[in-house]
Amino acid sequence: MSDKTGKQENLTAGKIWEDFIETTGFHAVNKIDFGKKHPPGRSLFWMCIWLLSAGYLIFTVTTELISYYKYPTTTTVSVKNNDELDFPAVTICNLATRNRSMFAEDERTDIYYLGISALYDTAAKVNWSDPFYTTEGYFNERTLDDLYMESKSLSNFITFHKFDLKPFYLKYTPVSTDLGLCVRFNMDSPPEKTVMHGGVYNLQMYIDLRLDDDYFAATYLSSGLKVVVHDQSEVVMMANDGFVVPPASEALIEISRKEYKYLPPPFRAFEDDTCDDKRSNYSTSKCHQCCLRDYLLQQCSCVGFMFNSPTGKYCSQERYLECFIPEFWNILKKGLNCSCPFQCQYTEYDTKLSFGLFPSTFMLKSLATMLNETEDYIKNNFISLTLFYKDLKTTITEQKPCMRMLEMFFLMLADKWDYFLVQAF
């Protein structure tokens, strides 16, 4: 018992340190013996070197940890050649969608529809106490049937179309937008695919604007078409997107496809923001539309035809003019703060537009026979529209995590550990 006690008492701090430097695998530590085997100056020199090295190691590991938990990324851009591509959805609106014959021929009707046009700030104030507006149903709630009844016939709007040289192959669907009742090609899922590209393929059509039935436009003061090329999952605001095609023109729209792929949280996809990859069928445009609809519903207790009404009822004409339109225009000017992160993956379509005069003198007679219309009517009302892929390539912008030093350090440790296990066993 006394021998053990004596041995324990002999284990002083100096003895423990001496045993440690003789057995440790740390470089240079065995040279720090405080003058027992080497001069004190040399021990002090190696102690400084060791402390500086240890400090640098701690600094490096700390820096890499901080950098790692910032989740740094890099962005690559590549081009992929495809044998075939999904054709985008195409939404087409006549800038004047209302059928004049469905409204009472009266100055008070003109005052109302001027009030909901782009010239709303110059229109005279509607006198709602006038019995005319009650008799004509301006205070009644509306349904989608009213929109279809008041709009121009879509069956006469698209007089001819073909897709990849197949006449009337690609279906179109009526859609309600902020410009009224429009048509959308390639709305069904899955989308139509094409193996062709170039100006003589893909979607071609003749469109009759029916300007004789023209009425006040909703947003624009001109006649013609508004065309938007977009992904099927996207919701479009016609006033904000696309391009205008004037009457008596041939428009060629060249399309290029782009894909964007971003990393989900905790990575930052857009500066200080993150993208959304958890909600199925989520898109930023759908989120914005729901946010806008809910705001307008809260302000006016009703919505316009551009939104899906949760009740199936829509604003009366009086409520539409007095509340919905002013609030809607105010949002377009000032914006609306909506919590709508970008989706982590989405597709966009770049377009390039060129024009020609339509029709040529040589083709006019043949078109008049084909379309069963007079030459003057065709020159004033018709548009030739062609939308086509420039090529079957996709430009892919992809975000990837950076391979940082800390990750390589961990990989190195893993390799060393594997080597040790192999040697040990």
Protein backbone atom coordinates (compact mmCIF):
# COMPACT_ATOMS: atom_id res chain seq x y z
CA MET A 1 0.00 0.00 0.00
CA SER A 2 2.85 2.40 0.96
CA ASP A 3 4.77 1.53 -2.24
CA LYS A 4 1.79 2.46 -4.40
CA THR A 5 1.37 5.72 -2.50
CA GLY A 6 5.03 6.56 -3.03
CA LYS A 7 4.79 5.92 -6.77
CA GLN A 8 1.72 8.12 -7.06
CA GLU A 9 3.48 10.92 -5.16
CA ASN A 10 6.44 10.72 -7.57
CA LEU A 11 4.08 11.42 -10.58
CA THR A 12 4.66 15.16 -10.57
CA ALA A 13 3.61 17.54 -13.35
CA GLY A 14 7.16 17.56 -14.66
CA LYS A 15 7.25 13.75 -14.77
CA ILE A 16 3.88 13.60 -16.57
CA TRP A 17 5.09 16.14 -19.17
CA GLU A 18 8.35 14.24 -19.68
CA ASP A 19 6.49 10.98 -20.24
CA PHE A 20 4.10 12.76 -22.61
CA ILE A 21 6.74 14.30 -24.91
CA GLU A 22 8.57 10.99 -25.15
CA THR A 23 5.47 9.09 -26.28
CA THR A 24 3.38 11.67 -28.21
CA GLY A 25 3.05 11.70 -31.97
CA PHE A 26 2.63 15.48 -32.19
CA HIS A 27 5.46 17.00 -34.19
CA ALA A 28 7.96 19.22 -32.28
CA VAL A 29 6.38 18.58 -28.87
CA ASN A 30 9.28 16.26 -27.91
CA LYS A 31 11.65 19.22 -28.28
CA ILE A 32 9.88 21.22 -25.57
CA ASP A 33 11.57 19.74 -22.47
CA PHE A 34 12.21 22.98 -20.54
CA GLY A 35 15.99 22.63 -20.59
CA LYS A 36 16.44 19.07 -19.37
CA LYS A 37 17.88 17.72 -22.62
CA HIS A 38 18.07 20.85 -24.77
CA PRO A 39 18.93 24.49 -24.06
CA PRO A 40 15.97 26.56 -22.69
CA GLY A 41 16.12 28.88 -25.69
CA ARG A 42 15.56 25.98 -28.07
CA SER A 43 12.56 24.73 -26.03
CA LEU A 44 11.11 28.23 -26.03
CA PHE A 45 11.62 28.48 -29.81
CA TRP A 46 9.79 25.20 -30.48
CA MET A 47 7.04 26.11 -28.03
CA CYS A 48 6.39 29.31 -30.01
CA ILE A 49 6.45 27.40 -33.29
CA TRP A 50 4.04 24.80 -31.93
CA LEU A 51 1.63 27.39 -30.49
CA LEU A 52 1.64 29.33 -33.77
CA SER A 53 0.95 26.14 -35.72
CA ALA A 54 -1.84 25.11 -33.36
CA GLY A 55 -3.34 28.61 -33.57
CA TYR A 56 -3.21 28.53 -37.38
CA LEU A 57 -4.87 25.09 -37.37
CA ILE A 58 -7.67 26.32 -35.11
CA PHE A 59 -8.09 29.44 -37.25
CA THR A 60 -8.24 27.39 -40.48
CA VAL A 61 -10.74 24.86 -39.12
CA THR A 62 -12.92 27.65 -37.66
CA THR A 63 -12.84 29.59 -40.95
CA GLU A 64 -13.78 26.49 -42.92
CA LEU A 65 -16.59 25.67 -40.51
CA ILE A 66 -18.00 29.19 -40.85
CA SER A 67 -17.66 29.00 -44.64
CA TYR A 68 -19.20 25.53 -44.75
CA TYR A 69 -22.28 26.58 -42.82
CA LYS A 70 -22.81 29.49 -45.19
CA TYR A 71 -23.46 26.76 -47.80
CA PRO A 72 -21.50 28.32 -50.67
CA THR A 73 -22.51 27.44 -54.21
CA THR A 74 -21.37 27.84 -57.78
CA THR A 75 -23.53 28.24 -60.88
CA THR A 76 -22.90 26.45 -64.17
CA VAL A 77 -24.43 27.04 -67.58
CA SER A 78 -24.58 24.22 -70.12
CA VAL A 79 -26.36 23.48 -73.38
CA LYS A 80 -28.13 20.17 -73.95
CA ASN A 81 -29.05 18.83 -77.41
CA ASN A 82 -32.43 17.08 -77.47
CA ASP A 83 -34.02 14.70 -79.96
CA GLU A 84 -37.41 16.15 -78.99
CA LEU A 85 -38.76 18.92 -76.77
CA ASP A 86 -41.99 19.67 -74.94
CA PHE A 87 -43.72 22.48 -76.77
CA PRO A 88 -44.66 25.39 -74.48
CA ALA A 89 -48.16 26.61 -73.72
CA VAL A 90 -49.24 29.63 -75.77
CA THR A 91 -51.93 32.07 -74.57
CA ILE A 92 -53.44 34.39 -77.18
CA CYS A 93 -55.82 37.27 -76.49
CA ASN A 94 -57.69 39.59 -78.81
CA LEU A 95 -57.04 43.06 -77.37
CA ALA A 96 -60.76 43.79 -77.75
CA THR A 97 -62.67 40.70 -76.62
CA ARG A 98 -66.16 42.11 -76.05
CA ASN A 99 -68.95 41.63 -78.58
CA ARG A 100 -70.64 45.01 -79.13
CA SER A 101 -73.99 43.47 -80.04
CA MET A 102 -74.35 42.12 -76.48
CA PHE A 103 -74.55 45.60 -74.93
CA ALA A 104 -77.18 48.28 -75.01
CA GLU A 105 -76.45 50.98 -77.60
CA ASP A 106 -76.39 53.86 -75.14
CA GLU A 107 -73.99 56.60 -74.10
CA ARG A 108 -74.21 55.37 -70.50
CA THR A 109 -72.85 51.98 -71.63
CA ASP A 110 -69.92 53.78 -73.25
CA ILE A 111 -69.24 55.71 -70.05
CA TYR A 112 -69.09 52.49 -68.03
CA TYR A 113 -66.77 50.58 -70.38
CA LEU A 114 -64.50 53.56 -70.80
CA GLY A 115 -64.25 53.58 -67.00
CA ILE A 116 -62.84 50.03 -66.93
CA SER A 117 -60.46 50.62 -69.84
CA ALA A 118 -56.91 51.99 -69.85
CA LEU A 119 -58.46 55.48 -70.00
CA TYR A 120 -60.31 55.01 -66.71
CA ASP A 121 -58.78 58.18 -65.24
CA THR A 122 -60.28 60.33 -68.04
CA ALA A 123 -63.75 58.74 -68.02
CA ALA A 124 -66.82 60.53 -66.69
CA LYS A 125 -68.19 59.39 -63.33
CA VAL A 126 -70.97 56.83 -63.61
CA ASN A 127 -74.26 58.01 -62.12
CA TRP A 128 -75.30 54.82 -60.33
CA SER A 129 -78.60 56.35 -59.24
CA ASP A 130 -79.71 56.31 -62.88
CA PRO A 131 -82.35 53.52 -63.25
CA PHE A 132 -80.65 52.48 -66.51
CA TYR A 133 -77.90 50.63 -64.62
CA THR A 134 -80.35 48.76 -62.41
CA THR A 135 -82.48 47.77 -65.41
CA GLU A 136 -79.40 46.53 -67.32
CA GLY A 137 -78.24 44.40 -64.36
CA TYR A 138 -75.10 46.32 -63.42
CA PHE A 139 -75.66 45.54 -59.72
CA ASN A 140 -76.14 41.78 -60.18
CA GLU A 141 -73.50 39.25 -59.22
CA ARG A 142 -71.97 37.62 -62.29
CA THR A 143 -70.87 34.15 -63.37
CA LEU A 144 -68.58 32.77 -66.06
CA ASP A 145 -71.63 32.38 -68.29
CA ASP A 146 -71.82 36.18 -68.47
CA LEU A 147 -68.20 36.33 -69.63
CA TYR A 148 -68.78 33.79 -72.40
CA MET A 149 -71.99 35.49 -73.49
CA GLU A 150 -70.40 38.95 -73.76
CA SER A 151 -67.19 37.81 -75.51
CA LYS A 152 -66.48 37.38 -79.18
CA SER A 153 -66.88 33.87 -80.56
CA LEU A 154 -63.62 31.99 -80.12
CA SER A 155 -64.58 29.50 -82.82
CA ASN A 156 -64.41 32.35 -85.33
CA PHE A 157 -61.31 33.84 -83.75
CA ILE A 158 -58.92 31.00 -84.74
CA THR A 159 -59.93 30.34 -88.35
CA PHE A 160 -57.11 27.89 -89.12
CA HIS A 161 -54.15 26.36 -87.32
CA LYS A 162 -51.70 23.50 -87.73
CA PHE A 163 -48.93 21.95 -85.66
CA ASP A 164 -45.90 20.37 -87.35
CA LEU A 165 -47.81 20.54 -90.65
CA LYS A 166 -50.86 18.69 -89.23
CA PRO A 167 -54.03 20.84 -89.57
CA PHE A 168 -56.08 21.35 -86.37
CA TYR A 169 -53.84 18.88 -84.52
CA LEU A 170 -53.08 20.92 -81.40
CA LYS A 171 -56.10 21.67 -79.21
CA TYR A 172 -56.86 25.06 -77.72
CA THR A 173 -58.89 25.86 -74.62
CA PRO A 174 -60.81 29.02 -73.61
CA VAL A 175 -59.20 30.71 -70.58
CA SER A 176 -60.30 33.71 -68.55
CA THR A 177 -57.56 36.33 -68.14
CA ASP A 178 -57.14 39.96 -67.16
CA LEU A 179 -57.74 40.81 -70.85
CA GLY A 180 -61.00 38.86 -70.99
CA LEU A 181 -61.75 35.53 -72.63
CA CYS A 182 -58.68 34.22 -74.49
CA VAL A 183 -57.42 30.91 -75.89
CA ARG A 184 -54.55 28.72 -74.73
CA PHE A 185 -52.81 26.13 -76.90
CA ASN A 186 -51.16 23.03 -75.44
CA MET A 187 -52.83 23.32 -72.05
CA ASP A 188 -53.36 19.60 -71.46
CA SER A 189 -50.85 17.47 -69.56
CA PRO A 190 -48.55 15.96 -70.68
CA PRO A 191 -47.63 18.71 -73.18
CA GLU A 192 -47.30 18.06 -76.88
CA LYS A 193 -43.77 17.20 -78.00
CA THR A 194 -42.02 18.10 -81.23
CA VAL A 195 -39.02 16.72 -83.10
CA MET A 196 -39.06 19.61 -85.58
CA HIS A 197 -37.79 23.17 -85.49
CA GLY A 198 -37.65 26.13 -87.82
CA GLY A 199 -40.05 28.69 -89.26
CA VAL A 200 -42.12 26.25 -91.37
CA TYR A 201 -42.89 23.89 -88.45
CA ASN A 202 -44.50 23.91 -85.00
CA LEU A 203 -47.54 26.14 -84.40
CA GLN A 204 -48.97 28.17 -87.31
CA MET A 205 -52.36 29.90 -87.45
CA TYR A 206 -54.59 32.51 -89.08
CA ILE A 207 -56.49 34.72 -86.66
CA ASP A 208 -59.53 36.90 -87.33
CA LEU A 209 -59.64 39.92 -85.01
CA ARG A 210 -63.26 40.70 -86.02
CA LEU A 211 -62.67 44.41 -85.58
CA ASP A 212 -66.23 45.18 -86.73
CA ASP A 213 -67.30 43.83 -83.31
CA ASP A 214 -64.64 45.90 -81.53
CA TYR A 215 -65.40 47.53 -78.19
CA PHE A 216 -63.36 49.28 -75.54
CA ALA A 217 -60.19 47.37 -74.84
CA ALA A 218 -59.51 46.34 -71.25
CA THR A 219 -55.87 47.43 -70.99
CA TYR A 220 -54.59 48.56 -74.38
CA LEU A 221 -55.76 51.36 -76.65
CA SER A 222 -54.75 49.50 -79.81
CA SER A 223 -56.17 46.60 -81.82
CA GLY A 224 -54.33 43.36 -82.32
CA LEU A 225 -53.18 40.33 -80.33
CA LYS A 226 -51.41 39.81 -77.04
CA VAL A 227 -49.33 36.60 -77.10
CA VAL A 228 -47.55 34.94 -74.16
CA VAL A 229 -45.32 31.84 -74.45
CA HIS A 230 -44.98 30.09 -71.10
CA ASP A 231 -44.59 26.82 -69.23
CA GLN A 232 -47.75 24.82 -68.59
CA SER A 233 -47.38 25.12 -64.83
CA GLU A 234 -47.18 28.91 -64.93
CA VAL A 235 -50.03 31.39 -64.46
CA VAL A 236 -49.65 34.44 -66.68
CA MET A 237 -50.78 38.01 -66.20
CA MET A 238 -51.46 39.12 -69.76
CA ALA A 239 -51.00 42.81 -68.96
CA ASN A 240 -47.45 42.16 -67.73
CA ASP A 241 -46.16 39.41 -70.02
CA GLY A 242 -45.71 38.70 -73.72
CA PHE A 243 -45.87 40.97 -76.75
CA VAL A 244 -48.42 42.71 -78.97
CA VAL A 245 -48.98 41.79 -82.64
CA PRO A 246 -50.73 44.45 -84.78
CA PRO A 247 -53.43 43.73 -87.41
CA ALA A 248 -52.50 43.04 -91.05
CA SER A 249 -49.15 41.50 -90.10
CA GLU A 250 -47.35 38.18 -90.23
CA ALA A 251 -45.60 37.54 -86.92
CA LEU A 252 -42.79 35.00 -86.55
CA ILE A 253 -41.99 34.11 -82.93
CA GLU A 254 -38.71 32.27 -82.45
CA ILE A 255 -38.58 30.30 -79.18
CA SER A 256 -35.58 29.21 -77.10
CA ARG A 257 -35.94 26.94 -74.07
CA LYS A 258 -34.18 27.53 -70.75
CA GLU A 259 -34.18 25.43 -67.58
CA TYR A 260 -33.19 26.66 -64.13
CA LYS A 261 -32.20 24.33 -61.29
CA TYR A 262 -31.42 25.65 -57.82
CA LEU A 263 -30.46 23.94 -54.59
CA PRO A 264 -33.09 23.62 -51.83
CA PRO A 265 -32.62 25.07 -48.32
CA PRO A 266 -30.33 25.53 -46.48
CA PHE A 267 -28.60 26.72 -49.66
CA ARG A 268 -29.32 30.26 -50.86
CA ALA A 269 -30.75 30.25 -54.36
CA PHE A 270 -31.32 33.95 -55.03
CA GLU A 271 -28.89 36.15 -53.10
CA ASP A 272 -30.35 35.99 -49.56
CA ASP A 273 -33.47 33.97 -50.47
CA THR A 274 -34.20 30.27 -50.66
CA CYS A 275 -36.28 28.34 -53.17
CA ASP A 276 -39.25 26.05 -52.54
CA ASP A 277 -38.98 22.34 -53.37
CA LYS A 278 -41.41 20.80 -50.86
CA ARG A 279 -44.87 21.75 -52.11
CA SER A 280 -46.15 19.68 -55.03
CA ASN A 281 -47.38 21.58 -58.10
CA TYR A 282 -46.07 24.79 -56.58
CA SER A 283 -45.10 27.71 -58.81
CA THR A 284 -44.22 31.28 -57.95
CA SER A 285 -46.77 32.66 -60.41
CA LYS A 286 -49.59 30.59 -58.89
CA CYS A 287 -48.62 31.80 -55.43
CA HIS A 288 -48.63 35.43 -56.61
CA GLN A 289 -52.02 34.98 -58.24
CA CYS A 290 -53.51 33.50 -55.06
CA CYS A 291 -51.98 36.32 -53.01
CA LEU A 292 -53.40 38.93 -55.39
CA ARG A 293 -56.81 37.26 -55.46
CA ASP A 294 -57.01 37.04 -51.66
CA TYR A 295 -56.04 40.71 -51.30
CA LEU A 296 -58.66 41.88 -53.81
CA LEU A 297 -61.26 39.58 -52.26
CA GLN A 298 -60.53 41.14 -48.89
CA GLN A 299 -60.77 44.69 -50.26
CA CYS A 300 -63.81 44.28 -52.51
CA SER A 301 -65.56 41.11 -51.24
CA CYS A 302 -65.46 39.79 -54.83
CA VAL A 303 -63.05 39.05 -57.68
CA GLY A 304 -62.91 39.61 -61.42
CA PHE A 305 -63.04 36.94 -64.08
CA MET A 306 -59.24 36.67 -64.22
CA PHE A 307 -59.30 34.69 -60.97
CA ASN A 308 -60.95 31.47 -59.92
CA SER A 309 -63.71 32.57 -57.57
CA PRO A 310 -63.97 30.36 -54.45
CA THR A 311 -67.77 30.84 -54.55
CA GLY A 312 -68.32 30.70 -58.31
CA LYS A 313 -69.64 34.27 -58.13
CA TYR A 314 -67.86 37.32 -59.50
CA CYS A 315 -68.01 41.07 -59.01
CA SER A 316 -71.08 42.90 -60.25
CA GLN A 317 -70.33 45.47 -62.93
CA GLU A 318 -70.83 48.25 -60.37
CA ARG A 319 -68.45 46.64 -57.86
CA TYR A 320 -65.97 45.85 -60.61
CA LEU A 321 -65.73 49.53 -61.62
CA GLU A 322 -65.88 51.12 -58.18
CA CYS A 323 -63.57 48.77 -56.25
CA PHE A 324 -61.90 45.99 -58.21
CA ILE A 325 -60.42 48.04 -61.08
CA PRO A 326 -58.98 50.85 -58.89
CA GLU A 327 -57.42 48.30 -56.50
CA PHE A 328 -56.08 46.21 -59.36
CA TRP A 329 -54.47 49.17 -61.15
CA ASN A 330 -53.02 50.37 -57.86
CA ILE A 331 -51.35 46.97 -57.32
CA LEU A 332 -49.93 47.01 -60.86
CA LYS A 333 -48.38 50.42 -60.13
CA LYS A 334 -47.11 49.86 -56.58
CA GLY A 335 -46.83 46.10 -56.30
CA LEU A 336 -48.01 43.76 -53.56
CA ASN A 337 -45.86 42.17 -50.87
CA CYS A 338 -46.46 38.43 -51.18
CA SER A 339 -44.47 35.65 -49.52
CA CYS A 340 -43.84 33.61 -52.66
CA PRO A 341 -40.38 32.02 -52.93
CA PHE A 342 -39.19 30.84 -56.32
CA GLN A 343 -39.58 27.16 -57.09
CA CYS A 344 -36.25 25.30 -57.17
CA GLN A 345 -36.75 24.12 -60.76
CA TYR A 346 -38.63 25.87 -63.52
CA THR A 347 -38.61 26.42 -67.28
CA GLU A 348 -38.67 29.70 -69.18
CA TYR A 349 -38.99 30.47 -72.87
CA ASP A 350 -37.15 33.33 -74.53
CA THR A 351 -38.86 34.73 -77.61
CA LYS A 352 -37.69 36.80 -80.55
CA LEU A 353 -40.34 38.54 -82.64
CA SER A 354 -40.19 39.62 -86.29
CA PHE A 355 -42.90 41.04 -88.57
CA GLY A 356 -43.97 41.11 -92.18
CA LEU A 357 -46.92 42.70 -93.97
CA PHE A 358 -49.84 40.27 -94.30
CA PRO A 359 -51.07 39.25 -96.76
CA SER A 360 -48.98 39.87 -99.86
CA THR A 361 -50.82 41.07 -102.96
CA PHE A 362 -50.01 37.82 -104.74
CA MET A 363 -51.52 35.68 -101.96
CA LEU A 364 -54.56 37.81 -101.22
CA LYS A 365 -56.97 36.27 -103.74
CA SER A 366 -56.08 32.73 -102.77
CA LEU A 367 -56.56 33.54 -99.09
CA ALA A 368 -59.92 35.17 -99.80
CA THR A 369 -61.08 31.93 -101.42
CA MET A 370 -59.60 29.75 -98.68
CA LEU A 371 -61.05 31.81 -95.80
CA ASN A 372 -64.31 32.71 -97.56
CA GLU A 373 -63.84 36.41 -96.81
CA THR A 374 -63.46 39.55 -98.92
CA GLU A 375 -60.01 40.86 -99.71
CA ASP A 376 -60.63 44.13 -97.82
CA TYR A 377 -61.81 42.24 -94.73
CA ILE A 378 -58.68 40.06 -94.72
CA LYS A 379 -56.36 43.05 -95.05
CA ASN A 380 -58.01 44.82 -92.12
CA ASN A 381 -58.72 41.95 -89.71
CA PHE A 382 -56.37 39.01 -90.20
CA ILE A 383 -53.05 38.12 -88.61
CA SER A 384 -50.74 35.24 -89.53
CA LEU A 385 -48.97 33.89 -86.45
CA THR A 386 -46.15 31.32 -86.37
CA LEU A 387 -44.43 30.11 -83.20
CA PHE A 388 -41.45 27.79 -83.60
CA TYR A 389 -38.36 26.47 -81.86
CA LYS A 390 -35.12 27.97 -83.14
CA ASP A 391 -33.45 24.60 -82.41
CA LEU A 392 -33.92 21.59 -80.15
CA LYS A 393 -31.45 22.78 -77.54
CA THR A 394 -32.00 23.57 -73.88
CA THR A 395 -29.82 26.03 -71.98
CA ILE A 396 -29.50 24.74 -68.40
CA THR A 397 -28.50 27.03 -65.55
CA GLU A 398 -27.73 24.86 -62.52
CA GLN A 399 -26.63 25.70 -59.01
CA LYS A 400 -24.19 23.28 -57.37
CA PRO A 401 -22.56 23.14 -53.90
CA CYS A 402 -18.89 24.15 -53.72
CA MET A 403 -16.32 21.52 -52.67
CA ARG A 404 -14.70 23.31 -49.78
CA MET A 405 -11.46 22.55 -47.90
CA LEU A 406 -13.34 21.22 -44.87
CA GLU A 407 -15.10 18.61 -46.98
CA MET A 408 -11.78 17.53 -48.52
CA PHE A 409 -10.29 17.42 -45.00
CA PHE A 410 -13.05 15.10 -43.84
CA LEU A 411 -12.56 12.93 -46.93
CA MET A 412 -8.84 12.71 -46.16
CA LEU A 413 -9.57 11.66 -42.56
CA ALA A 414 -11.98 9.03 -43.83
CA ASP A 415 -9.32 7.65 -46.18
CA LYS A 416 -6.74 7.53 -43.34
CA TRP A 417 -9.25 5.78 -41.06
CA ASP A 418 -9.99 3.18 -43.74
CA TYR A 419 -6.24 2.59 -44.17
CA PHE A 420 -5.77 2.15 -40.40
CA LEU A 421 -8.59 -0.41 -40.22
CA VAL A 422 -7.12 -2.38 -43.11
CA GLN A 423 -3.68 -2.44 -41.48
CA ALA A 424 -5.08 -3.31 -38.04
CA PHE A 425 -7.26 -6.16 -39.17
